[in-house]
Each structure stands twice: as structure tokens, then as C-alpha cells.
Amino acid sequence: FLLIGAGFVVMKVCKLPSNATNSISKLVSTLFMPALILTNFMENFTVERLSSAWQFALAGIIVVTLSITIAVIIARFSGGKDDYRRKIHTYCLAFSNFGFMGNAIMNAIFPEIFFEYTIFTLPFWFMIYLWGVPVLLISNDTNEKVTFSKRVKAFLNPMLVAMFIGLITAYTGSYIGQLIQLKG
């Protein structure tokens, strides 16, 4: 809440240019949030935590499945006859914008369970970038086939790349650490 207040004060006192919000938003989505996720995975990705993580991933899968199902049903009625409008309604109802502010708030208020929260939200991230963005947001023509390259391009975003780098770094770091302890 202090950061929200600080942002308000900076905008009022410093008289930032009108495009500052776009620049700050890009920094948040391409640098700050990926750095938060990367650090979180590097610090918390351990065998012990991973053994219980499947429960959070399963809960996330169940919630995202229900969310998408309900969103598709509601969007059929609220989107009218326009297919693209139904797609936008489906995306907004199923995913909204839970990630960016939610990550910062969860990390600030509940840092001890932020890793579990991130594991819970993984199915949302996967569905957003494998289906939501390329099919619902980018594909404007109903006859247009969403190609594999479009799906990969949407999937290779700073958040998921940081997550995978964090996983690999944590795993290889702990593996290398274990090898050093065994040889030492």
C-alpha cells in the first residue's frame, strides 16, 4: 500500500509526462515482476518444497479449468454474435489481470507462501500464454488458425522465461551443491 501511495504522490508532485505510466507498466511486466519471480524460484525451489507443490499446482489446474468453463458459458451470452467480442469477454472473465499486482501484493503480505502462490498460479500463466493471448486476444479473424509459432511467441514472455531460468538455476545450483558436498 505504501508503493501505491508513493506512486500517487510521485504522479502528483513530480508531474511525470503522460506516457510515464506506459513506461512504468512496461518496466513492471518486463523487468520487475520477472525479477521477483526469478528470485523467488532461485531461493525457494527445493526438493522439500517441490514435494508439496503438486497440491498447489493441482488446485490451480482445477480453478483455472472452472474459471475457463464458466467464462466460456457467460461469454456466449454477454458477447453477443460477434466472435471477437466473445473472445475478449472470455479472456477477461477467465483470467482478468490477476498476475502483476497480485504477485507484488502476495510477496509483500505473505512472503513465506509466495512460492506456493506462484505454483498455484502456474496453470493460469500456461493457459494465458498458450491459449488466452494467442487465441483469444491476438486472433481477430475467426477463420485464422493460430500457428505453433504464434503460441510459442506468446509463451516466451519475460515472466515465464524468468520462471524457467529460476527453476533451472535453483535445480542445477542445488545439484552442483550436492555434488560438491559428496566429493568434499
C-alpha atoms as a PDB file:
ATOM      1  CA  PHE A   1       0.000   0.000   0.000  1.00  0.00           C
ATOM      2  CA  LEU A   2       2.965   2.270   0.591  1.00  0.00           C
ATOM      3  CA  LEU A   3       4.079   1.745  -3.013  1.00  0.00           C
ATOM      4  CA  ILE A   4       0.617   2.613  -4.288  1.00  0.00           C
ATOM      5  CA  GLY A   5       0.675   5.771  -2.172  1.00  0.00           C
ATOM      6  CA  ALA A   6       4.200   6.580  -3.336  1.00  0.00           C
ATOM      7  CA  GLY A   7       3.119   6.175  -6.960  1.00  0.00           C
ATOM      8  CA  PHE A   8       0.210   8.543  -6.393  1.00  0.00           C
ATOM      9  CA  VAL A   9       2.462  11.158  -4.761  1.00  0.00           C
ATOM     10  CA  VAL A  10       5.105  10.867  -7.494  1.00  0.00           C
ATOM     11  CA  MET A  11       2.483  11.371 -10.213  1.00  0.00           C
ATOM     12  CA  LYS A  12       1.031  14.425  -8.452  1.00  0.00           C
ATOM     13  CA  VAL A  13       4.205  16.080  -7.157  1.00  0.00           C
ATOM     14  CA  CYS A  14       6.737  15.274  -9.862  1.00  0.00           C
ATOM     15  CA  LYS A  15       4.395  15.992 -12.774  1.00  0.00           C
ATOM     16  CA  LEU A  16       5.582  12.996 -14.781  1.00  0.00           C
ATOM     17  CA  PRO A  17       4.824  13.031 -18.509  1.00  0.00           C
ATOM     18  CA  SER A  18       1.607  11.370 -19.649  1.00  0.00           C
ATOM     19  CA  ASN A  19       3.480   8.447 -21.213  1.00  0.00           C
ATOM     20  CA  ALA A  20       5.230   7.638 -17.916  1.00  0.00           C
ATOM     21  CA  THR A  21       2.548   5.122 -16.970  1.00  0.00           C
ATOM     22  CA  ASN A  22       3.230   3.175 -20.182  1.00  0.00           C
ATOM     23  CA  SER A  23       6.957   3.138 -19.474  1.00  0.00           C
ATOM     24  CA  ILE A  24       6.472   2.122 -15.864  1.00  0.00           C
ATOM     25  CA  SER A  25       3.999  -0.578 -16.884  1.00  0.00           C
ATOM     26  CA  LYS A  26       6.498  -1.995 -19.381  1.00  0.00           C
ATOM     27  CA  LEU A  27       9.210  -1.970 -16.711  1.00  0.00           C
ATOM     28  CA  VAL A  28       6.918  -3.813 -14.307  1.00  0.00           C
ATOM     29  CA  SER A  29       5.942  -6.502 -16.819  1.00  0.00           C
ATOM     30  CA  THR A  30       9.345  -6.972 -18.450  1.00  0.00           C
ATOM     31  CA  LEU A  31      11.778  -6.352 -15.586  1.00  0.00           C
ATOM     32  CA  PHE A  32      10.413  -6.016 -12.043  1.00  0.00           C
ATOM     33  CA  MET A  33       7.903  -8.897 -11.947  1.00  0.00           C
ATOM     34  CA  PRO A  34      10.179 -11.305 -13.829  1.00  0.00           C
ATOM     35  CA  ALA A  35      12.983 -10.412 -11.398  1.00  0.00           C
ATOM     36  CA  LEU A  36      10.649 -11.092  -8.472  1.00  0.00           C
ATOM     37  CA  ILE A  37       9.665 -14.480  -9.918  1.00  0.00           C
ATOM     38  CA  LEU A  38      13.270 -15.364 -10.785  1.00  0.00           C
ATOM     39  CA  THR A  39      14.483 -14.559  -7.277  1.00  0.00           C
ATOM     40  CA  ASN A  40      11.588 -16.414  -5.709  1.00  0.00           C
ATOM     41  CA  PHE A  41      12.269 -19.596  -7.664  1.00  0.00           C
ATOM     42  CA  MET A  42      16.029 -19.405  -7.162  1.00  0.00           C
ATOM     43  CA  GLU A  43      15.586 -19.120  -3.393  1.00  0.00           C
ATOM     44  CA  ASN A  44      12.657 -21.477  -2.844  1.00  0.00           C
ATOM     45  CA  PHE A  45      12.827 -24.222  -5.437  1.00  0.00           C
ATOM     46  CA  THR A  46      13.959 -27.136  -3.287  1.00  0.00           C
ATOM     47  CA  VAL A  47      13.125 -30.829  -3.218  1.00  0.00           C
ATOM     48  CA  GLU A  48      11.293 -30.399   0.092  1.00  0.00           C
ATOM     49  CA  ARG A  49       9.083 -27.586  -1.185  1.00  0.00           C
ATOM     50  CA  LEU A  50       8.585 -29.283  -4.503  1.00  0.00           C
ATOM     51  CA  SER A  51       7.215 -32.406  -2.814  1.00  0.00           C
ATOM     52  CA  SER A  52       4.152 -30.475  -1.646  1.00  0.00           C
ATOM     53  CA  ALA A  53       3.953 -28.159  -4.644  1.00  0.00           C
ATOM     54  CA  TRP A  54       1.936 -30.646  -6.713  1.00  0.00           C
ATOM     55  CA  GLN A  55      -1.056 -29.952  -4.449  1.00  0.00           C
ATOM     56  CA  PHE A  56      -0.929 -26.257  -5.269  1.00  0.00           C
ATOM     57  CA  ALA A  57      -0.470 -26.962  -8.973  1.00  0.00           C
ATOM     58  CA  LEU A  58      -3.448 -29.353  -8.917  1.00  0.00           C
ATOM     59  CA  ALA A  59      -5.585 -26.755  -7.137  1.00  0.00           C
ATOM     60  CA  GLY A  60      -4.529 -24.206  -9.771  1.00  0.00           C
ATOM     61  CA  ILE A  61      -5.472 -26.598 -12.578  1.00  0.00           C
ATOM     62  CA  ILE A  62      -8.908 -27.142 -11.031  1.00  0.00           C
ATOM     63  CA  VAL A  63      -9.518 -23.418 -10.510  1.00  0.00           C
ATOM     64  CA  VAL A  64      -8.353 -22.405 -13.997  1.00  0.00           C
ATOM     65  CA  THR A  65     -10.474 -25.175 -15.564  1.00  0.00           C
ATOM     66  CA  LEU A  66     -13.557 -23.974 -13.686  1.00  0.00           C
ATOM     67  CA  SER A  67     -12.729 -20.357 -14.459  1.00  0.00           C
ATOM     68  CA  ILE A  68     -12.395 -21.011 -18.188  1.00  0.00           C
ATOM     69  CA  THR A  69     -15.547 -23.156 -18.298  1.00  0.00           C
ATOM     70  CA  ILE A  70     -17.642 -20.521 -16.524  1.00  0.00           C
ATOM     71  CA  ALA A  71     -16.107 -17.725 -18.631  1.00  0.00           C
ATOM     72  CA  VAL A  72     -16.899 -19.501 -21.905  1.00  0.00           C
ATOM     73  CA  ILE A  73     -20.523 -20.050 -20.831  1.00  0.00           C
ATOM     74  CA  ILE A  74     -21.031 -16.453 -19.672  1.00  0.00           C
ATOM     75  CA  ALA A  75     -19.255 -15.014 -22.736  1.00  0.00           C
ATOM     76  CA  ARG A  76     -21.679 -16.824 -25.044  1.00  0.00           C
ATOM     77  CA  PHE A  77     -24.471 -14.705 -23.564  1.00  0.00           C
ATOM     78  CA  SER A  78     -22.605 -11.452 -22.890  1.00  0.00           C
ATOM     79  CA  GLY A  79     -20.534 -11.277 -26.074  1.00  0.00           C
ATOM     80  CA  GLY A  80     -23.418 -11.190 -28.494  1.00  0.00           C
ATOM     81  CA  LYS A  81     -22.973 -12.519 -32.015  1.00  0.00           C
ATOM     82  CA  ASP A  82     -19.529 -11.008 -32.510  1.00  0.00           C
ATOM     83  CA  ASP A  83     -16.973 -13.814 -32.116  1.00  0.00           C
ATOM     84  CA  TYR A  84     -14.087 -11.476 -31.275  1.00  0.00           C
ATOM     85  CA  ARG A  85     -16.136  -9.761 -28.588  1.00  0.00           C
ATOM     86  CA  ARG A  86     -16.961 -13.171 -27.067  1.00  0.00           C
ATOM     87  CA  LYS A  87     -13.240 -13.968 -27.061  1.00  0.00           C
ATOM     88  CA  ILE A  88     -12.456 -10.746 -25.214  1.00  0.00           C
ATOM     89  CA  HIS A  89     -15.204 -11.449 -22.687  1.00  0.00           C
ATOM     90  CA  THR A  90     -13.910 -15.000 -22.226  1.00  0.00           C
ATOM     91  CA  TYR A  91     -10.373 -13.748 -21.616  1.00  0.00           C
ATOM     92  CA  CYS A  92     -11.461 -11.031 -19.179  1.00  0.00           C
ATOM     93  CA  LEU A  93     -13.719 -13.370 -17.230  1.00  0.00           C
ATOM     94  CA  ALA A  94     -11.291 -16.300 -17.141  1.00  0.00           C
ATOM     95  CA  PHE A  95      -8.024 -14.515 -16.454  1.00  0.00           C
ATOM     96  CA  SER A  96      -8.560 -10.832 -15.843  1.00  0.00           C
ATOM     97  CA  ASN A  97      -5.273  -9.236 -14.763  1.00  0.00           C
ATOM     98  CA  PHE A  98      -4.566 -11.280 -11.677  1.00  0.00           C
ATOM     99  CA  GLY A  99      -0.825 -11.534 -12.085  1.00  0.00           C
ATOM    100  CA  PHE A 100       1.066  -8.313 -11.879  1.00  0.00           C
ATOM    101  CA  MET A 101      -0.435  -6.574  -8.874  1.00  0.00           C
ATOM    102  CA  GLY A 102      -1.328  -9.906  -7.282  1.00  0.00           C
ATOM    103  CA  ASN A 103       2.289 -11.029  -7.328  1.00  0.00           C
ATOM    104  CA  ALA A 104       3.579  -7.878  -5.677  1.00  0.00           C
ATOM    105  CA  ILE A 105       0.842  -7.891  -3.034  1.00  0.00           C
ATOM    106  CA  MET A 106       1.266 -11.585  -2.244  1.00  0.00           C
ATOM    107  CA  ASN A 107       5.027 -11.204  -1.936  1.00  0.00           C
ATOM    108  CA  ALA A 108       4.700  -8.153   0.298  1.00  0.00           C
ATOM    109  CA  ILE A 109       1.997  -9.505   2.608  1.00  0.00           C
ATOM    110  CA  PHE A 110       2.731 -13.251   2.579  1.00  0.00           C
ATOM    111  CA  PRO A 111       6.381 -13.754   1.568  1.00  0.00           C
ATOM    112  CA  GLU A 112       6.514 -17.136   3.332  1.00  0.00           C
ATOM    113  CA  ILE A 113       3.888 -18.605   0.961  1.00  0.00           C
ATOM    114  CA  PHE A 114       4.706 -16.656  -2.194  1.00  0.00           C
ATOM    115  CA  PHE A 115       6.376 -19.708  -3.755  1.00  0.00           C
ATOM    116  CA  GLU A 116       3.232 -21.791  -3.207  1.00  0.00           C
ATOM    117  CA  TYR A 117       1.102 -18.970  -4.606  1.00  0.00           C
ATOM    118  CA  THR A 118       3.312 -18.895  -7.695  1.00  0.00           C
ATOM    119  CA  ILE A 119       2.975 -22.671  -8.132  1.00  0.00           C
ATOM    120  CA  PHE A 120      -0.815 -22.289  -7.744  1.00  0.00           C
ATOM    121  CA  THR A 121      -0.894 -19.642 -10.480  1.00  0.00           C
ATOM    122  CA  LEU A 122       1.294 -21.621 -12.924  1.00  0.00           C
ATOM    123  CA  PRO A 123      -1.710 -23.214 -14.673  1.00  0.00           C
ATOM    124  CA  PHE A 124      -3.151 -19.713 -15.157  1.00  0.00           C
ATOM    125  CA  TRP A 125       0.104 -18.487 -16.726  1.00  0.00           C
ATOM    126  CA  PHE A 126       0.314 -21.513 -19.011  1.00  0.00           C
ATOM    127  CA  MET A 127      -3.291 -21.145 -20.179  1.00  0.00           C
ATOM    128  CA  ILE A 128      -2.950 -17.393 -20.615  1.00  0.00           C
ATOM    129  CA  TYR A 129       0.097 -17.726 -22.840  1.00  0.00           C
ATOM    130  CA  LEU A 130      -0.783 -20.946 -24.657  1.00  0.00           C
ATOM    131  CA  TRP A 131      -4.470 -20.216 -25.273  1.00  0.00           C
ATOM    132  CA  GLY A 132      -5.612 -16.862 -23.895  1.00  0.00           C
ATOM    133  CA  VAL A 133      -3.226 -14.480 -25.619  1.00  0.00           C
ATOM    134  CA  PRO A 134      -2.714 -16.223 -28.989  1.00  0.00           C
ATOM    135  CA  VAL A 135      -6.282 -17.492 -29.463  1.00  0.00           C
ATOM    136  CA  LEU A 136      -8.499 -15.020 -27.615  1.00  0.00           C
ATOM    137  CA  LEU A 137      -6.572 -11.756 -27.879  1.00  0.00           C
ATOM    138  CA  ILE A 138      -4.343 -11.924 -30.946  1.00  0.00           C
ATOM    139  CA  SER A 139      -6.506 -13.960 -33.299  1.00  0.00           C
ATOM    140  CA  ASN A 140      -9.048 -11.478 -34.656  1.00  0.00           C
ATOM    141  CA  ASP A 141     -10.225 -13.475 -37.659  1.00  0.00           C
ATOM    142  CA  THR A 142     -12.437 -16.438 -36.740  1.00  0.00           C
ATOM    143  CA  ASN A 143     -11.050 -18.458 -39.661  1.00  0.00           C
ATOM    144  CA  GLU A 144      -7.456 -17.687 -38.787  1.00  0.00           C
ATOM    145  CA  LYS A 145      -5.559 -20.690 -37.481  1.00  0.00           C
ATOM    146  CA  VAL A 146      -3.322 -19.959 -34.516  1.00  0.00           C
ATOM    147  CA  THR A 147       0.018 -21.344 -35.553  1.00  0.00           C
ATOM    148  CA  PHE A 148       2.539 -23.081 -33.343  1.00  0.00           C
ATOM    149  CA  SER A 149       4.934 -20.147 -33.788  1.00  0.00           C
ATOM    150  CA  LYS A 150       2.292 -17.693 -32.512  1.00  0.00           C
ATOM    151  CA  ARG A 151       1.764 -19.867 -29.440  1.00  0.00           C
ATOM    152  CA  VAL A 152       5.498 -20.133 -28.801  1.00  0.00           C
ATOM    153  CA  LYS A 153       5.948 -16.394 -29.271  1.00  0.00           C
ATOM    154  CA  ALA A 154       3.211 -15.665 -26.718  1.00  0.00           C
ATOM    155  CA  PHE A 155       4.630 -18.310 -24.373  1.00  0.00           C
ATOM    156  CA  LEU A 156       8.164 -16.888 -24.479  1.00  0.00           C
ATOM    157  CA  ASN A 157       7.487 -13.852 -22.338  1.00  0.00           C
ATOM    158  CA  PRO A 158       9.579 -12.346 -19.540  1.00  0.00           C
ATOM    159  CA  MET A 159       7.506 -13.874 -16.713  1.00  0.00           C
ATOM    160  CA  LEU A 160       7.676 -17.485 -17.889  1.00  0.00           C
ATOM    161  CA  VAL A 161      11.273 -17.200 -19.082  1.00  0.00           C
ATOM    162  CA  ALA A 162      12.278 -15.868 -15.647  1.00  0.00           C
ATOM    163  CA  MET A 163      10.375 -18.711 -14.009  1.00  0.00           C
ATOM    164  CA  PHE A 164      12.190 -21.337 -16.072  1.00  0.00           C
ATOM    165  CA  ILE A 165      15.581 -19.712 -15.516  1.00  0.00           C
ATOM    166  CA  GLY A 166      14.844 -19.650 -11.777  1.00  0.00           C
ATOM    167  CA  LEU A 167      13.857 -23.344 -11.839  1.00  0.00           C
ATOM    168  CA  ILE A 168      16.956 -24.349 -13.778  1.00  0.00           C
ATOM    169  CA  THR A 169      19.266 -22.194 -11.671  1.00  0.00           C
ATOM    170  CA  ALA A 170      17.827 -23.491  -8.417  1.00  0.00           C
ATOM    171  CA  TYR A 171      17.922 -27.112  -9.580  1.00  0.00           C
ATOM    172  CA  THR A 172      21.425 -27.001 -11.034  1.00  0.00           C
ATOM    173  CA  GLY A 173      22.660 -24.938  -8.100  1.00  0.00           C
ATOM    174  CA  SER A 174      21.333 -27.430  -5.558  1.00  0.00           C
ATOM    175  CA  TYR A 175      22.520 -30.357  -7.684  1.00  0.00           C
ATOM    176  CA  ILE A 176      26.007 -28.886  -8.010  1.00  0.00           C
ATOM    177  CA  GLY A 177      25.961 -28.123  -4.270  1.00  0.00           C
ATOM    178  CA  GLN A 178      25.088 -31.733  -3.511  1.00  0.00           C
ATOM    179  CA  LEU A 179      27.875 -32.991  -5.769  1.00  0.00           C
ATOM    180  CA  ILE A 180      30.369 -30.719  -4.031  1.00  0.00           C
ATOM    181  CA  GLN A 181      29.238 -31.982  -0.612  1.00  0.00           C
ATOM    182  CA  LEU A 182      29.544 -35.608  -1.746  1.00  0.00           C
ATOM    183  CA  LYS A 183      33.066 -35.113  -3.102  1.00  0.00           C
ATOM    184  CA  GLY A 184      34.135 -32.914  -0.173  1.00  0.00           C
END
